[in-house]
Amino acid sequence: ERLLKSQKIELDNPHENRISGKIENVIHTMGMLNEKRYLILTNLPLYCDMSELNLLHQCLLAEGINLISLNLLRGNTITDEKFKVSHIDQDFVLFTQ
């Protein structure tokens, strides 16, 4: 916490109302901290549309952050060539390329 305050890093921007914007803030913060761990999110299609997912994908690439998106819904709700889709035990899993 002291490190974040000393670097004046803001994790939660009160002016950002979109969930995808908040996720972008987390991605940028991970990039500033040179974080190498994976970011794991669940059910992205519930709160992000395809254009927001594409923006998040670009943000991840720019910051060099790896994302594992687990979709615990039935069926594949994301259809885009940028994403590699796998199923593990009948759960949908999204890997960005």
Protein backbone atom coordinates (compact mmCIF):
# COMPACT_ATOMS: atom_id res chain seq x y z
CA GLU A 1 0.00 0.00 0.00
CA ARG A 2 2.84 2.40 0.85
CA LEU A 3 4.49 1.66 -2.50
CA LEU A 4 1.29 2.54 -4.35
CA LYS A 5 0.90 5.78 -2.39
CA SER A 6 4.55 6.74 -2.86
CA GLN A 7 4.22 6.32 -6.64
CA LYS A 8 0.87 8.16 -6.65
CA ILE A 9 -0.80 5.22 -8.39
CA GLU A 10 -4.59 5.32 -8.35
CA LEU A 11 -6.25 1.92 -8.55
CA ASP A 12 -9.81 3.14 -8.46
CA ASN A 13 -10.67 6.21 -10.46
CA PRO A 14 -13.93 7.62 -9.07
CA HIS A 15 -14.70 9.17 -12.47
CA GLU A 16 -14.61 5.78 -14.22
CA ASN A 17 -18.03 4.12 -14.21
CA ARG A 18 -17.50 1.36 -16.76
CA ILE A 19 -16.23 -1.99 -15.46
CA SER A 20 -13.98 -2.29 -18.51
CA GLY A 21 -12.41 1.06 -17.58
CA LYS A 22 -11.73 -0.18 -14.07
CA ILE A 23 -10.13 -3.33 -15.53
CA GLU A 24 -7.99 -1.10 -17.78
CA ASN A 25 -6.83 0.78 -14.66
CA VAL A 26 -5.77 -2.52 -13.09
CA ILE A 27 -3.94 -3.54 -16.30
CA HIS A 28 -2.10 -0.19 -16.47
CA THR A 29 -1.16 -0.46 -12.80
CA MET A 30 0.16 -3.99 -13.33
CA GLY A 31 2.20 -2.66 -16.25
CA MET A 32 3.65 0.22 -14.19
CA LEU A 33 4.64 -2.24 -11.48
CA ASN A 34 6.15 -4.59 -14.10
CA GLU A 35 3.90 -7.36 -12.79
CA LYS A 36 4.59 -10.78 -14.33
CA ARG A 37 1.75 -12.74 -12.74
CA TYR A 38 -1.34 -13.56 -14.78
CA LEU A 39 -4.50 -11.49 -14.46
CA ILE A 40 -7.44 -13.88 -14.01
CA LEU A 41 -10.98 -12.65 -14.62
CA THR A 42 -14.27 -14.51 -14.74
CA ASN A 43 -17.34 -14.03 -16.92
CA LEU A 44 -16.03 -11.05 -18.92
CA PRO A 45 -18.88 -11.30 -21.49
CA LEU A 46 -21.38 -10.52 -18.70
CA TYR A 47 -20.01 -7.02 -18.19
CA CYS A 48 -18.06 -6.22 -21.39
CA ASP A 49 -19.29 -6.11 -24.96
CA MET A 50 -17.07 -7.14 -27.90
CA SER A 51 -15.72 -3.62 -28.51
CA GLU A 52 -14.70 -3.33 -24.84
CA LEU A 53 -13.08 -6.78 -24.99
CA ASN A 54 -11.08 -5.68 -28.03
CA LEU A 55 -9.96 -2.51 -26.18
CA LEU A 56 -8.92 -4.60 -23.17
CA HIS A 57 -7.02 -6.92 -25.52
CA GLN A 58 -5.09 -3.95 -26.95
CA CYS A 59 -4.41 -2.66 -23.44
CA LEU A 60 -3.07 -6.09 -22.37
CA LEU A 61 -0.77 -6.23 -25.39
CA ALA A 62 0.52 -2.69 -24.80
CA GLU A 63 1.30 -3.40 -21.13
CA GLY A 64 2.62 -6.93 -21.72
CA ILE A 65 0.13 -8.43 -19.26
CA ASN A 66 -1.16 -11.99 -19.60
CA LEU A 67 -4.86 -12.64 -19.05
CA ILE A 68 -6.75 -15.81 -18.33
CA SER A 69 -10.48 -15.24 -18.68
CA LEU A 70 -12.66 -17.99 -17.28
CA ASN A 71 -16.24 -18.01 -18.45
CA LEU A 72 -18.36 -20.15 -16.18
CA LEU A 73 -21.41 -19.72 -18.40
CA ARG A 74 -22.81 -22.35 -20.71
CA GLY A 75 -21.63 -22.03 -24.28
CA ASN A 76 -19.11 -19.85 -26.06
CA THR A 77 -20.27 -16.23 -25.96
CA ILE A 78 -17.18 -14.74 -27.62
CA THR A 79 -16.65 -15.15 -31.35
CA ASP A 80 -13.66 -13.21 -32.60
CA GLU A 81 -10.49 -14.26 -34.42
CA LYS A 82 -8.26 -12.45 -31.90
CA PHE A 83 -9.13 -14.87 -29.13
CA LYS A 84 -8.22 -18.53 -28.75
CA VAL A 85 -11.03 -20.49 -27.16
CA SER A 86 -10.65 -23.69 -25.17
CA HIS A 87 -12.97 -25.75 -23.03
CA ILE A 88 -11.88 -27.34 -19.78
CA ASP A 89 -14.36 -29.72 -18.13
CA GLN A 90 -17.18 -28.14 -20.15
CA ASP A 91 -16.26 -24.64 -18.89
CA PHE A 92 -15.35 -22.00 -21.48
CA VAL A 93 -11.83 -20.58 -21.20
CA LEU A 94 -10.50 -17.59 -23.19
CA PHE A 95 -6.83 -17.02 -23.95
CA THR A 96 -5.69 -13.87 -25.74
CA GLN A 97 -3.05 -14.38 -28.41
